[in-house]
Structures are given as C-alpha cells and as structure tokens.
Amino acid sequence: MTHVMIRYEELKKKFPNLDNDLITTFAKEMPEEFENVLTEYEHEQEYGCHICTIKMYEEAVKLLKKPDGEYGAKWSVEDIARKSGIDFEKEDFTKHDFAYVVNMLYSDYGKKVTDVETILDMAEIYLTDDDYPGDPSERAYKNAKKRIKYFKHKKEEK
C-alpha cells in the first residue's frame, strides 16, 4: 500500500465523512478536473477499459502524427474492421480499440512498414500479447487516454 493510501485509511478512521468531504471539496475546487474524472469513471463502468465510442476514438486518433506529417487516421474504423476479417464479438477488444492501434502503429512505423497486412497482424499481437503486464486488450484504451491527457496538458502549457 502506498504512503498516500495509508494516510487516507488513517484519516478515514479519524474522520468518518472523509470520502464525502473530499469529493465535495474536489468538485468545488477543481470542477473541470472533477468532470473529467466523472466522465472517465462513467466510461469505464459502462464499457470497461475499451474504446467503445466514436467520440473517444476520434479524439485520440486525431492526435496521431502520420509519416507524411499530417495528423489523424490513415484508415477508417470500418475499413480496418473489414480488412482485418476479425469477428470483434468474439474478441476481448473492440473494433475501435483495434482501429486505434492500427492507426497508432502506422503513425509510429509507417515509414518502414508499408504492408497493411503486417500492420493488422502487429495490432492483433499488440492487443493479445500474453506477456504484457496487465490485460493486453485494454492497451488501446490506456494508450489513447494517456495520449489525450498528454496533448491536452501540452496545449494548456502554451
């Protein structure tokens, strides 16, 4: 258990209303951040750690820099899903997860790896990698979420 969690548990014993007080304070003092946490919590409760909405997919994929220097997706979700031949109902990842990873890999390796089939294979391996520390099917969501936060923070710094 981390130091902050130990301190939290100690204060919770001392102040029984700590949870409610902290949430109320957080909401009042940092309303934008609180809204972001609520939105993220709601998404994860409804969909798990997967890209299941076109809104989240588009928000993340527009931040991918392609080899030509332009930003955005190289291929659409539907084109990728059709080309892959994957039955997403039988997979632990969604078609949006998969499409995000395909476009991310193209963004990262598209100067050297130009064969679409290879990129599709790499994406499937990425989302099913059994030596990944955690659930590999959640990698797209976690990567997209980090990318969105990073670029939002970077934009705010300017």
C-alpha atoms as a PDB file:
ATOM      1  CA  MET A   1       0.000   0.000   0.000  1.00  0.00           C
ATOM      2  CA  THR A   2       1.334   3.425  -0.924  1.00  0.00           C
ATOM      3  CA  HIS A   3       2.036   6.161   1.600  1.00  0.00           C
ATOM      4  CA  VAL A   4      -0.918   8.210   0.388  1.00  0.00           C
ATOM      5  CA  MET A   5      -3.286   5.238   0.772  1.00  0.00           C
ATOM      6  CA  ILE A   6      -2.023   4.579   4.307  1.00  0.00           C
ATOM      7  CA  ARG A   7      -2.611   8.225   5.182  1.00  0.00           C
ATOM      8  CA  TYR A   8      -6.066   8.072   3.589  1.00  0.00           C
ATOM      9  CA  GLU A   9      -7.001   4.993   5.632  1.00  0.00           C
ATOM     10  CA  GLU A  10      -5.759   6.667   8.833  1.00  0.00           C
ATOM     11  CA  LEU A  11      -7.762   9.828   8.167  1.00  0.00           C
ATOM     12  CA  LYS A  12     -10.830   7.799   7.265  1.00  0.00           C
ATOM     13  CA  LYS A  13     -10.792   6.264  10.742  1.00  0.00           C
ATOM     14  CA  LYS A  14     -10.428   9.692  12.324  1.00  0.00           C
ATOM     15  CA  PHE A  15     -12.985  11.456  10.096  1.00  0.00           C
ATOM     16  CA  PRO A  16     -15.874   9.161   9.082  1.00  0.00           C
ATOM     17  CA  ASN A  17     -17.207  11.624   6.466  1.00  0.00           C
ATOM     18  CA  LEU A  18     -13.835  11.931   4.752  1.00  0.00           C
ATOM     19  CA  ASP A  19     -14.970  10.367   1.441  1.00  0.00           C
ATOM     20  CA  ASN A  20     -17.925  12.710   1.019  1.00  0.00           C
ATOM     21  CA  ASP A  21     -15.938  15.740   2.194  1.00  0.00           C
ATOM     22  CA  LEU A  22     -13.095  15.032  -0.231  1.00  0.00           C
ATOM     23  CA  ILE A  23     -15.425  14.518  -3.175  1.00  0.00           C
ATOM     24  CA  THR A  24     -17.363  17.686  -2.410  1.00  0.00           C
ATOM     25  CA  THR A  25     -14.147  19.698  -2.000  1.00  0.00           C
ATOM     26  CA  PHE A  26     -12.688  18.264  -5.212  1.00  0.00           C
ATOM     27  CA  ALA A  27     -15.884  19.096  -7.138  1.00  0.00           C
ATOM     28  CA  LYS A  28     -15.955  22.670  -5.816  1.00  0.00           C
ATOM     29  CA  GLU A  29     -12.242  23.466  -6.034  1.00  0.00           C
ATOM     30  CA  MET A  30     -11.433  21.701  -9.305  1.00  0.00           C
ATOM     31  CA  PRO A  31     -14.686  21.410 -11.282  1.00  0.00           C
ATOM     32  CA  GLU A  32     -13.073  20.736 -14.677  1.00  0.00           C
ATOM     33  CA  GLU A  33     -10.807  18.004 -13.321  1.00  0.00           C
ATOM     34  CA  PHE A  34     -13.712  16.545 -11.367  1.00  0.00           C
ATOM     35  CA  GLU A  35     -15.840  16.433 -14.521  1.00  0.00           C
ATOM     36  CA  ASN A  36     -13.009  14.628 -16.318  1.00  0.00           C
ATOM     37  CA  VAL A  37     -12.787  12.038 -13.530  1.00  0.00           C
ATOM     38  CA  LEU A  38     -16.572  11.550 -13.584  1.00  0.00           C
ATOM     39  CA  THR A  39     -16.570  11.109 -17.362  1.00  0.00           C
ATOM     40  CA  GLU A  40     -13.702   8.616 -17.212  1.00  0.00           C
ATOM     41  CA  TYR A  41     -15.357   6.704 -14.372  1.00  0.00           C
ATOM     42  CA  GLU A  42     -18.678   6.552 -16.221  1.00  0.00           C
ATOM     43  CA  HIS A  43     -16.978   5.336 -19.415  1.00  0.00           C
ATOM     44  CA  GLU A  44     -15.071   2.601 -17.588  1.00  0.00           C
ATOM     45  CA  GLN A  45     -18.180   1.477 -15.720  1.00  0.00           C
ATOM     46  CA  GLU A  46     -20.218   1.270 -18.927  1.00  0.00           C
ATOM     47  CA  TYR A  47     -17.597  -0.079 -21.333  1.00  0.00           C
ATOM     48  CA  GLY A  48     -14.631  -1.275 -19.310  1.00  0.00           C
ATOM     49  CA  CYS A  49     -11.197  -0.110 -20.393  1.00  0.00           C
ATOM     50  CA  HIS A  50     -12.008  -0.080 -24.099  1.00  0.00           C
ATOM     51  CA  ILE A  51     -12.563   2.495 -26.792  1.00  0.00           C
ATOM     52  CA  CYS A  52     -16.265   1.997 -27.387  1.00  0.00           C
ATOM     53  CA  THR A  53     -17.388   5.401 -28.521  1.00  0.00           C
ATOM     54  CA  ILE A  54     -16.617   7.110 -31.792  1.00  0.00           C
ATOM     55  CA  LYS A  55     -16.087  10.326 -29.812  1.00  0.00           C
ATOM     56  CA  MET A  56     -13.197   8.893 -27.787  1.00  0.00           C
ATOM     57  CA  TYR A  57     -11.765   7.144 -30.834  1.00  0.00           C
ATOM     58  CA  GLU A  58     -11.786  10.345 -32.897  1.00  0.00           C
ATOM     59  CA  GLU A  59     -10.377  12.400 -30.039  1.00  0.00           C
ATOM     60  CA  ALA A  60      -7.409  10.025 -29.717  1.00  0.00           C
ATOM     61  CA  VAL A  61      -6.777   9.255 -33.383  1.00  0.00           C
ATOM     62  CA  LYS A  62      -6.700  12.916 -34.404  1.00  0.00           C
ATOM     63  CA  LEU A  63      -3.538  13.229 -32.274  1.00  0.00           C
ATOM     64  CA  LEU A  64      -1.616  10.568 -34.223  1.00  0.00           C
ATOM     65  CA  LYS A  65       1.056  12.045 -36.470  1.00  0.00           C
ATOM     66  CA  LYS A  66       1.330  10.092 -39.711  1.00  0.00           C
ATOM     67  CA  PRO A  67       4.621   9.610 -41.565  1.00  0.00           C
ATOM     68  CA  ASP A  68       3.674  12.375 -44.000  1.00  0.00           C
ATOM     69  CA  GLY A  69       3.454  14.848 -41.090  1.00  0.00           C
ATOM     70  CA  GLU A  70      -0.337  15.132 -41.181  1.00  0.00           C
ATOM     71  CA  TYR A  71      -2.432  14.228 -38.144  1.00  0.00           C
ATOM     72  CA  GLY A  72      -5.308  11.783 -37.967  1.00  0.00           C
ATOM     73  CA  ALA A  73      -6.272   8.289 -39.013  1.00  0.00           C
ATOM     74  CA  LYS A  74      -4.851   6.691 -42.132  1.00  0.00           C
ATOM     75  CA  TRP A  75      -7.808   4.271 -42.336  1.00  0.00           C
ATOM     76  CA  SER A  76     -11.379   4.389 -41.042  1.00  0.00           C
ATOM     77  CA  VAL A  77     -12.692   2.069 -38.351  1.00  0.00           C
ATOM     78  CA  GLU A  78     -14.947   0.300 -40.845  1.00  0.00           C
ATOM     79  CA  ASP A  79     -12.201  -0.157 -43.445  1.00  0.00           C
ATOM     80  CA  ILE A  80      -9.896  -1.638 -40.819  1.00  0.00           C
ATOM     81  CA  ALA A  81     -12.599  -3.902 -39.401  1.00  0.00           C
ATOM     82  CA  ARG A  82     -13.497  -5.161 -42.875  1.00  0.00           C
ATOM     83  CA  LYS A  83      -9.870  -5.643 -43.954  1.00  0.00           C
ATOM     84  CA  SER A  84      -8.949  -7.469 -40.731  1.00  0.00           C
ATOM     85  CA  GLY A  85     -11.697 -10.073 -41.015  1.00  0.00           C
ATOM     86  CA  ILE A  86     -11.838 -10.200 -37.199  1.00  0.00           C
ATOM     87  CA  ASP A  87     -15.129 -11.081 -35.511  1.00  0.00           C
ATOM     88  CA  PHE A  88     -14.993  -8.439 -32.785  1.00  0.00           C
ATOM     89  CA  GLU A  89     -17.898 -10.062 -30.930  1.00  0.00           C
ATOM     90  CA  LYS A  90     -15.517 -12.928 -30.116  1.00  0.00           C
ATOM     91  CA  GLU A  91     -12.566 -10.745 -29.082  1.00  0.00           C
ATOM     92  CA  ASP A  92     -11.675  -9.075 -25.796  1.00  0.00           C
ATOM     93  CA  PHE A  93     -11.017  -5.811 -27.666  1.00  0.00           C
ATOM     94  CA  THR A  94     -13.406  -3.641 -29.678  1.00  0.00           C
ATOM     95  CA  LYS A  95     -13.165  -2.611 -33.305  1.00  0.00           C
ATOM     96  CA  HIS A  96     -12.383   0.924 -32.087  1.00  0.00           C
ATOM     97  CA  ASP A  97      -9.538  -0.428 -29.918  1.00  0.00           C
ATOM     98  CA  PHE A  98      -8.205  -2.309 -32.921  1.00  0.00           C
ATOM     99  CA  ALA A  99      -8.579   0.601 -35.353  1.00  0.00           C
ATOM    100  CA  TYR A 100      -6.828   2.941 -32.929  1.00  0.00           C
ATOM    101  CA  VAL A 101      -3.892   0.525 -32.598  1.00  0.00           C
ATOM    102  CA  VAL A 102      -3.662   0.007 -36.376  1.00  0.00           C
ATOM    103  CA  ASN A 103      -3.517   3.766 -36.927  1.00  0.00           C
ATOM    104  CA  MET A 104      -1.104   4.205 -34.000  1.00  0.00           C
ATOM    105  CA  LEU A 105       1.243   1.574 -35.426  1.00  0.00           C
ATOM    106  CA  TYR A 106       1.050   3.196 -38.849  1.00  0.00           C
ATOM    107  CA  SER A 107       1.832   6.526 -37.199  1.00  0.00           C
ATOM    108  CA  ASP A 108       4.886   5.027 -35.478  1.00  0.00           C
ATOM    109  CA  TYR A 109       6.185   2.607 -38.111  1.00  0.00           C
ATOM    110  CA  GLY A 110       4.567   3.639 -41.400  1.00  0.00           C
ATOM    111  CA  LYS A 111       7.822   4.902 -42.874  1.00  0.00           C
ATOM    112  CA  LYS A 112       9.315   1.399 -42.646  1.00  0.00           C
ATOM    113  CA  VAL A 113       6.302  -0.930 -42.526  1.00  0.00           C
ATOM    114  CA  THR A 114       4.082  -0.198 -45.509  1.00  0.00           C
ATOM    115  CA  ASP A 115       2.246  -3.508 -45.871  1.00  0.00           C
ATOM    116  CA  VAL A 116      -1.257  -3.158 -44.391  1.00  0.00           C
ATOM    117  CA  GLU A 117      -1.467  -6.884 -43.596  1.00  0.00           C
ATOM    118  CA  THR A 118       1.667  -6.629 -41.457  1.00  0.00           C
ATOM    119  CA  ILE A 119       0.271  -3.660 -39.554  1.00  0.00           C
ATOM    120  CA  LEU A 120      -3.025  -5.529 -38.979  1.00  0.00           C
ATOM    121  CA  ASP A 121      -1.086  -8.537 -37.671  1.00  0.00           C
ATOM    122  CA  MET A 122       1.007  -6.300 -35.417  1.00  0.00           C
ATOM    123  CA  ALA A 123      -2.145  -4.690 -33.984  1.00  0.00           C
ATOM    124  CA  GLU A 124      -3.691  -8.058 -33.175  1.00  0.00           C
ATOM    125  CA  ILE A 125      -0.467  -9.183 -31.483  1.00  0.00           C
ATOM    126  CA  TYR A 126      -0.347  -5.905 -29.530  1.00  0.00           C
ATOM    127  CA  LEU A 127      -3.877  -6.442 -28.185  1.00  0.00           C
ATOM    128  CA  THR A 128      -3.394 -10.141 -27.343  1.00  0.00           C
ATOM    129  CA  ASP A 129       0.208 -10.126 -26.071  1.00  0.00           C
ATOM    130  CA  ASP A 130       0.135 -12.609 -23.192  1.00  0.00           C
ATOM    131  CA  ASP A 131       3.354 -11.356 -21.576  1.00  0.00           C
ATOM    132  CA  TYR A 132       2.019  -7.801 -21.283  1.00  0.00           C
ATOM    133  CA  PRO A 133       1.805  -6.894 -17.572  1.00  0.00           C
ATOM    134  CA  GLY A 134      -1.949  -6.435 -17.340  1.00  0.00           C
ATOM    135  CA  ASP A 135      -4.834  -7.049 -19.671  1.00  0.00           C
ATOM    136  CA  PRO A 136      -3.464  -6.559 -23.201  1.00  0.00           C
ATOM    137  CA  SER A 137      -6.953  -5.951 -24.596  1.00  0.00           C
ATOM    138  CA  GLU A 138      -7.009  -2.716 -22.547  1.00  0.00           C
ATOM    139  CA  ARG A 139      -3.790  -1.351 -24.049  1.00  0.00           C
ATOM    140  CA  ALA A 140      -5.501   0.713 -26.746  1.00  0.00           C
ATOM    141  CA  TYR A 141      -7.800   2.430 -24.244  1.00  0.00           C
ATOM    142  CA  LYS A 142      -4.975   3.169 -21.807  1.00  0.00           C
ATOM    143  CA  ASN A 143      -2.700   4.440 -24.570  1.00  0.00           C
ATOM    144  CA  ALA A 144      -5.458   6.610 -26.065  1.00  0.00           C
ATOM    145  CA  LYS A 145      -6.374   8.011 -22.655  1.00  0.00           C
ATOM    146  CA  LYS A 146      -2.727   8.903 -21.943  1.00  0.00           C
ATOM    147  CA  ARG A 147      -2.349  10.474 -25.392  1.00  0.00           C
ATOM    148  CA  ILE A 148      -5.445  12.634 -24.915  1.00  0.00           C
ATOM    149  CA  LYS A 149      -4.328  13.787 -21.453  1.00  0.00           C
ATOM    150  CA  TYR A 150      -0.775  14.448 -22.615  1.00  0.00           C
ATOM    151  CA  PHE A 151      -1.800  16.587 -25.577  1.00  0.00           C
ATOM    152  CA  LYS A 152      -4.446  18.423 -23.565  1.00  0.00           C
ATOM    153  CA  HIS A 153      -1.850  19.246 -20.893  1.00  0.00           C
ATOM    154  CA  LYS A 154       0.704  20.237 -23.555  1.00  0.00           C
ATOM    155  CA  LYS A 155      -1.876  22.536 -25.196  1.00  0.00           C
ATOM    156  CA  GLU A 156      -2.692  24.165 -21.845  1.00  0.00           C
ATOM    157  CA  GLU A 157       1.010  24.903 -21.247  1.00  0.00           C
ATOM    158  CA  LYS A 158       1.177  27.117 -24.363  1.00  0.00           C
END
